[in-house]
Structure formats: C-alpha cells, structure tokens
Amino acid sequence: MVNICCIGAGYVGGPSSAVIAYQCHDVNVTIVDLNQARIDAWNSDNLPIYEPGLEEIVFSRRGKNLFFSTNVDQAIIDADLIFVSVNTPTKKSGMGAGMAADLAYIETATRRIAQVATTSKVVIEKSTVPCRTAQSMRTILEANSNKDIRFDILSNPEFLAEGTAISDLTKPD
C-alpha cells in the first residue's frame, strides 16, 4: 500500500489527487488543507469546486482510499509521496510585485514537511511555480530536517484547464 498526501485542497490538489485515488484503488490518498471550511465542503455533498466529472470520482472513492482532512502533520508522517499543491498568487509587494509568483505558501508547506517527517519522502511540487522552485524546496528541506531523512524532489508542472481538468487527468495527451 502506498500512501499519498496532497497539501492543498484547491483546484489543483483536489481533482488531481481524486483522480489518482480513482485510478489506483490500492493507493491511499489524503488531501489536507488548513482551511476547515474547505475540507468540510470536500467531505459534503457540495464540493468546493465544480469540474465536470469530479463529483462522481470523489463520491465513488471518498472514505475508501480518498480522504480529506485538516490533520496535515499526520498525513505527512503517514505519506510515502507528498504533493505540494498550494496557492501561488502574484506577489503584491517587493521585488516582482504584480508579476512574480508569491512562494510563501510553498515555502511554509515545505518547512512543515521538513519539521514533521520522520522517514524519507518523495516530495512533488505540483503548482504553477517558476523554474528552480524544486531546488528552493530542497534547500528548505535539507536545512530544516533530520539529517537521516532523505527527500527526493520532483517537479510536476501544472497543466489543468478549467472545465476539462478531469478529462485532462484521465486522458492526457
């Protein structure tokens, strides 16, 4: 059994992780977020986002091998693979304001992984981020974790389009 944690229950993390659970029944997928209202919505009959086909996927796997939680630390501990799919808004101040991505959420999630992980992990950045974000994540992980823990960092560039996300995920080109 493989355990996947996805940090970020938004437009990228929710559908991407739900499709993994739908396609791979022997993989446990836990999507975590600090926003209790968002997690409550994922656990309800009214999902927090609309995407054609998403309801059927979530409702068919939720509680079986697809879980939604605010217990970020436990999901990190249990995971073999961790997707970081957090928001990357445009910077509002400082260098690059109005143009560059604000990586504060990526950095916070990465620090949390480093602080909480008790075993080696594969960490995958899956957000709309600039080049070399994976290297920045490696620096954070190595500086903030136990030296006996190994982190392999992968980049999975975002490719979903609103309205076709489920089709994009289930039938990629």
C-alpha atoms as a PDB file:
ATOM      1  CA  MET A   1       0.000   0.000   0.000  1.00  0.00           C
ATOM      2  CA  VAL A   2       1.298   3.408  -0.980  1.00  0.00           C
ATOM      3  CA  ASN A   3       0.199   6.479   0.949  1.00  0.00           C
ATOM      4  CA  ILE A   4      -0.012   9.829  -0.781  1.00  0.00           C
ATOM      5  CA  CYS A   5      -0.548  13.157   0.925  1.00  0.00           C
ATOM      6  CA  CYS A   6      -1.568  16.200  -1.061  1.00  0.00           C
ATOM      7  CA  ILE A   7      -1.075  19.505   0.747  1.00  0.00           C
ATOM      8  CA  GLY A   8      -3.642  21.874  -0.719  1.00  0.00           C
ATOM      9  CA  ALA A   9      -7.307  21.068  -1.352  1.00  0.00           C
ATOM     10  CA  GLY A  10      -7.855  23.615  -4.087  1.00  0.00           C
ATOM     11  CA  TYR A  11      -8.397  23.479  -7.828  1.00  0.00           C
ATOM     12  CA  VAL A  12      -5.146  21.577  -8.492  1.00  0.00           C
ATOM     13  CA  GLY A  13      -4.768  19.349  -5.442  1.00  0.00           C
ATOM     14  CA  GLY A  14      -8.383  18.244  -5.156  1.00  0.00           C
ATOM     15  CA  PRO A  15      -9.034  16.977  -8.698  1.00  0.00           C
ATOM     16  CA  SER A  16      -5.505  15.659  -9.281  1.00  0.00           C
ATOM     17  CA  SER A  17      -5.498  13.631  -6.081  1.00  0.00           C
ATOM     18  CA  ALA A  18      -9.072  12.432  -6.532  1.00  0.00           C
ATOM     19  CA  VAL A  19      -8.193  11.044  -9.963  1.00  0.00           C
ATOM     20  CA  ILE A  20      -5.160   9.234  -8.519  1.00  0.00           C
ATOM     21  CA  ALA A  21      -7.431   7.588  -5.927  1.00  0.00           C
ATOM     22  CA  TYR A  22      -9.985   6.777  -8.640  1.00  0.00           C
ATOM     23  CA  GLN A  23      -7.428   5.188 -10.951  1.00  0.00           C
ATOM     24  CA  CYS A  24      -5.342   3.434  -8.250  1.00  0.00           C
ATOM     25  CA  HIS A  25      -7.554   1.720  -5.685  1.00  0.00           C
ATOM     26  CA  ASP A  26      -4.554   0.261  -3.852  1.00  0.00           C
ATOM     27  CA  VAL A  27      -3.192   3.746  -3.107  1.00  0.00           C
ATOM     28  CA  ASN A  28      -4.449   5.734  -0.103  1.00  0.00           C
ATOM     29  CA  VAL A  29      -4.735   9.442  -0.924  1.00  0.00           C
ATOM     30  CA  THR A  30      -5.227  12.029   1.816  1.00  0.00           C
ATOM     31  CA  ILE A  31      -5.815  15.627   0.788  1.00  0.00           C
ATOM     32  CA  VAL A  32      -5.064  18.089   3.573  1.00  0.00           C
ATOM     33  CA  ASP A  33      -5.654  21.774   3.991  1.00  0.00           C
ATOM     34  CA  LEU A  34      -5.627  24.183   6.935  1.00  0.00           C
ATOM     35  CA  ASN A  35      -8.971  25.625   5.808  1.00  0.00           C
ATOM     36  CA  GLN A  36     -11.584  23.661   7.800  1.00  0.00           C
ATOM     37  CA  ALA A  37     -14.482  25.017   5.707  1.00  0.00           C
ATOM     38  CA  ARG A  38     -12.846  23.781   2.506  1.00  0.00           C
ATOM     39  CA  ILE A  39     -12.233  20.312   3.984  1.00  0.00           C
ATOM     40  CA  ASP A  40     -15.814  20.207   5.288  1.00  0.00           C
ATOM     41  CA  ALA A  41     -17.030  21.002   1.755  1.00  0.00           C
ATOM     42  CA  TRP A  42     -14.920  18.193   0.263  1.00  0.00           C
ATOM     43  CA  ASN A  43     -16.488  15.840   2.823  1.00  0.00           C
ATOM     44  CA  SER A  44     -20.033  17.015   1.981  1.00  0.00           C
ATOM     45  CA  ASP A  45     -22.416  16.599  -0.952  1.00  0.00           C
ATOM     46  CA  ASN A  46     -21.466  20.112  -2.159  1.00  0.00           C
ATOM     47  CA  LEU A  47     -17.837  20.065  -3.283  1.00  0.00           C
ATOM     48  CA  PRO A  48     -15.968  23.396  -3.025  1.00  0.00           C
ATOM     49  CA  ILE A  49     -15.189  23.462  -6.751  1.00  0.00           C
ATOM     50  CA  TYR A  50     -17.112  22.429  -9.822  1.00  0.00           C
ATOM     51  CA  GLU A  51     -15.476  20.414 -12.531  1.00  0.00           C
ATOM     52  CA  PRO A  52     -17.383  18.106 -14.901  1.00  0.00           C
ATOM     53  CA  GLY A  53     -16.989  14.509 -13.690  1.00  0.00           C
ATOM     54  CA  LEU A  54     -15.382  15.415 -10.357  1.00  0.00           C
ATOM     55  CA  GLU A  55     -18.396  14.617  -8.154  1.00  0.00           C
ATOM     56  CA  GLU A  56     -18.670  11.073  -9.480  1.00  0.00           C
ATOM     57  CA  ILE A  57     -14.968  10.452  -8.881  1.00  0.00           C
ATOM     58  CA  VAL A  58     -14.933  11.905  -5.356  1.00  0.00           C
ATOM     59  CA  PHE A  59     -18.190  10.243  -4.278  1.00  0.00           C
ATOM     60  CA  SER A  60     -17.054   6.837  -5.583  1.00  0.00           C
ATOM     61  CA  ARG A  61     -13.708   6.855  -3.690  1.00  0.00           C
ATOM     62  CA  ARG A  62     -14.243   9.090  -0.630  1.00  0.00           C
ATOM     63  CA  GLY A  63     -13.928   7.055   2.564  1.00  0.00           C
ATOM     64  CA  LYS A  64     -12.384   4.125   0.680  1.00  0.00           C
ATOM     65  CA  ASN A  65      -8.974   5.299  -0.461  1.00  0.00           C
ATOM     66  CA  LEU A  66      -9.663   9.046  -0.729  1.00  0.00           C
ATOM     67  CA  PHE A  67      -9.727  11.149   2.427  1.00  0.00           C
ATOM     68  CA  PHE A  68      -9.945  14.873   3.236  1.00  0.00           C
ATOM     69  CA  SER A  69      -8.521  16.221   6.493  1.00  0.00           C
ATOM     70  CA  THR A  70      -7.038  19.192   8.318  1.00  0.00           C
ATOM     71  CA  ASN A  71      -4.566  16.903  10.127  1.00  0.00           C
ATOM     72  CA  VAL A  72      -1.621  17.947   7.997  1.00  0.00           C
ATOM     73  CA  ASP A  73       1.050  16.572  10.318  1.00  0.00           C
ATOM     74  CA  GLN A  74      -0.375  13.037  10.457  1.00  0.00           C
ATOM     75  CA  ALA A  75      -0.815  12.946   6.683  1.00  0.00           C
ATOM     76  CA  ILE A  76       2.833  13.969   6.228  1.00  0.00           C
ATOM     77  CA  ILE A  77       4.018  11.318   8.684  1.00  0.00           C
ATOM     78  CA  ASP A  78       1.971   8.570   7.003  1.00  0.00           C
ATOM     79  CA  ALA A  79       2.860   9.532   3.418  1.00  0.00           C
ATOM     80  CA  ASP A  80       5.373   7.954   1.090  1.00  0.00           C
ATOM     81  CA  LEU A  81       4.744  10.655  -1.535  1.00  0.00           C
ATOM     82  CA  ILE A  82       3.744  14.245  -0.813  1.00  0.00           C
ATOM     83  CA  PHE A  83       2.276  16.542  -3.450  1.00  0.00           C
ATOM     84  CA  VAL A  84       2.566  20.248  -2.639  1.00  0.00           C
ATOM     85  CA  SER A  85      -0.355  21.888  -4.449  1.00  0.00           C
ATOM     86  CA  VAL A  86      -0.800  25.145  -2.604  1.00  0.00           C
ATOM     87  CA  ASN A  87      -1.812  28.557  -3.870  1.00  0.00           C
ATOM     88  CA  THR A  88       0.828  30.661  -5.644  1.00  0.00           C
ATOM     89  CA  PRO A  89      -0.727  34.112  -6.017  1.00  0.00           C
ATOM     90  CA  THR A  90       1.013  37.019  -7.677  1.00  0.00           C
ATOM     91  CA  LYS A  91       3.271  38.993  -5.335  1.00  0.00           C
ATOM     92  CA  LYS A  92       1.652  42.183  -4.049  1.00  0.00           C
ATOM     93  CA  SER A  93       4.788  43.889  -2.762  1.00  0.00           C
ATOM     94  CA  GLY A  94       8.569  43.814  -3.002  1.00  0.00           C
ATOM     95  CA  MET A  95      10.675  42.784  -5.964  1.00  0.00           C
ATOM     96  CA  GLY A  96       8.468  41.325  -8.694  1.00  0.00           C
ATOM     97  CA  ALA A  97       5.244  42.802  -7.303  1.00  0.00           C
ATOM     98  CA  GLY A  98       2.410  42.410  -9.778  1.00  0.00           C
ATOM     99  CA  MET A  99       4.368  39.930 -11.923  1.00  0.00           C
ATOM    100  CA  ALA A 100       6.176  37.218  -9.932  1.00  0.00           C
ATOM    101  CA  ALA A 101       4.642  34.311  -8.024  1.00  0.00           C
ATOM    102  CA  ASP A 102       4.450  34.612  -4.253  1.00  0.00           C
ATOM    103  CA  LEU A 103       6.012  31.373  -2.989  1.00  0.00           C
ATOM    104  CA  ALA A 104       5.201  31.914   0.700  1.00  0.00           C
ATOM    105  CA  TYR A 105       2.677  29.043   0.787  1.00  0.00           C
ATOM    106  CA  ILE A 106       5.096  26.677  -0.977  1.00  0.00           C
ATOM    107  CA  GLU A 107       7.842  27.609   1.480  1.00  0.00           C
ATOM    108  CA  THR A 108       5.549  27.193   4.505  1.00  0.00           C
ATOM    109  CA  ALA A 109       4.347  23.766   3.343  1.00  0.00           C
ATOM    110  CA  THR A 110       7.929  22.676   2.647  1.00  0.00           C
ATOM    111  CA  ARG A 111       9.086  23.761   6.114  1.00  0.00           C
ATOM    112  CA  ARG A 112       6.189  21.837   7.650  1.00  0.00           C
ATOM    113  CA  ILE A 113       7.208  18.690   5.775  1.00  0.00           C
ATOM    114  CA  ALA A 114      10.806  19.086   6.987  1.00  0.00           C
ATOM    115  CA  GLN A 115       9.749  19.620  10.600  1.00  0.00           C
ATOM    116  CA  VAL A 116       7.209  16.773  10.751  1.00  0.00           C
ATOM    117  CA  ALA A 117       8.615  13.986   8.552  1.00  0.00           C
ATOM    118  CA  THR A 118      10.071  11.048  10.445  1.00  0.00           C
ATOM    119  CA  THR A 119      11.007   8.968   7.381  1.00  0.00           C
ATOM    120  CA  SER A 120      12.313   9.651   3.895  1.00  0.00           C
ATOM    121  CA  LYS A 121       9.769  11.056   1.412  1.00  0.00           C
ATOM    122  CA  VAL A 122       9.292  11.861  -2.237  1.00  0.00           C
ATOM    123  CA  VAL A 123       8.093  15.470  -2.424  1.00  0.00           C
ATOM    124  CA  ILE A 124       6.431  16.653  -5.626  1.00  0.00           C
ATOM    125  CA  GLU A 125       5.738  20.289  -6.353  1.00  0.00           C
ATOM    126  CA  LYS A 126       2.518  20.487  -8.344  1.00  0.00           C
ATOM    127  CA  SER A 127       1.588  24.129  -8.622  1.00  0.00           C
ATOM    128  CA  THR A 128       2.106  26.965 -11.025  1.00  0.00           C
ATOM    129  CA  VAL A 129       5.599  27.929  -9.927  1.00  0.00           C
ATOM    130  CA  PRO A 130       8.714  29.406 -11.533  1.00  0.00           C
ATOM    131  CA  CYS A 131      11.651  27.307 -12.659  1.00  0.00           C
ATOM    132  CA  ARG A 132      14.010  26.204  -9.878  1.00  0.00           C
ATOM    133  CA  THR A 133      11.281  26.047  -7.241  1.00  0.00           C
ATOM    134  CA  ALA A 134      12.192  22.380  -6.665  1.00  0.00           C
ATOM    135  CA  GLN A 135      15.762  23.433  -5.846  1.00  0.00           C
ATOM    136  CA  SER A 136      14.467  26.030  -3.401  1.00  0.00           C
ATOM    137  CA  MET A 137      12.310  23.332  -1.774  1.00  0.00           C
ATOM    138  CA  ARG A 138      15.358  21.045  -1.475  1.00  0.00           C
ATOM    139  CA  THR A 139      17.306  23.808   0.274  1.00  0.00           C
ATOM    140  CA  ILE A 140      14.462  24.329   2.763  1.00  0.00           C
ATOM    141  CA  LEU A 141      14.046  20.589   3.384  1.00  0.00           C
ATOM    142  CA  GLU A 142      17.750  19.976   3.936  1.00  0.00           C
ATOM    143  CA  ALA A 143      18.135  22.982   6.237  1.00  0.00           C
ATOM    144  CA  ASN A 144      15.136  22.147   8.432  1.00  0.00           C
ATOM    145  CA  SER A 145      15.043  18.351   8.744  1.00  0.00           C
ATOM    146  CA  ASN A 146      16.797  15.490  10.478  1.00  0.00           C
ATOM    147  CA  LYS A 147      19.937  14.623   8.536  1.00  0.00           C
ATOM    148  CA  ASP A 148      18.957  10.918   8.457  1.00  0.00           C
ATOM    149  CA  ILE A 149      15.867  11.678   6.367  1.00  0.00           C
ATOM    150  CA  ARG A 150      16.196  11.797   2.600  1.00  0.00           C
ATOM    151  CA  PHE A 151      13.919  13.871   0.391  1.00  0.00           C
ATOM    152  CA  ASP A 152      13.665  13.254  -3.334  1.00  0.00           C
ATOM    153  CA  ILE A 153      12.171  16.303  -5.030  1.00  0.00           C
ATOM    154  CA  LEU A 154      10.194  16.114  -8.263  1.00  0.00           C
ATOM    155  CA  SER A 155       8.519  18.790 -10.334  1.00  0.00           C
ATOM    156  CA  ASN A 156       5.141  18.035 -11.928  1.00  0.00           C
ATOM    157  CA  PRO A 157       4.218  21.183 -13.876  1.00  0.00           C
ATOM    158  CA  GLU A 158       0.573  22.154 -13.780  1.00  0.00           C
ATOM    159  CA  PHE A 159      -1.392  21.552 -16.986  1.00  0.00           C
ATOM    160  CA  LEU A 160      -5.071  21.515 -15.985  1.00  0.00           C
ATOM    161  CA  ALA A 161      -7.597  23.733 -17.716  1.00  0.00           C
ATOM    162  CA  GLU A 162     -10.839  24.745 -16.048  1.00  0.00           C
ATOM    163  CA  GLY A 163     -13.741  22.762 -17.454  1.00  0.00           C
ATOM    164  CA  THR A 164     -11.567  19.949 -18.824  1.00  0.00           C
ATOM    165  CA  ALA A 165      -9.462  19.043 -15.766  1.00  0.00           C
ATOM    166  CA  ILE A 166     -10.915  15.544 -15.263  1.00  0.00           C
ATOM    167  CA  SER A 167     -10.587  14.732 -18.948  1.00  0.00           C
ATOM    168  CA  ASP A 168      -7.040  16.175 -18.937  1.00  0.00           C
ATOM    169  CA  LEU A 169      -6.149  13.937 -15.983  1.00  0.00           C
ATOM    170  CA  THR A 170      -7.845  10.728 -17.146  1.00  0.00           C
ATOM    171  CA  LYS A 171      -6.909  11.016 -20.832  1.00  0.00           C
ATOM    172  CA  PRO A 172      -3.675  13.009 -21.038  1.00  0.00           C
ATOM    173  CA  ASP A 173      -2.015  13.532 -24.402  1.00  0.00           C
END
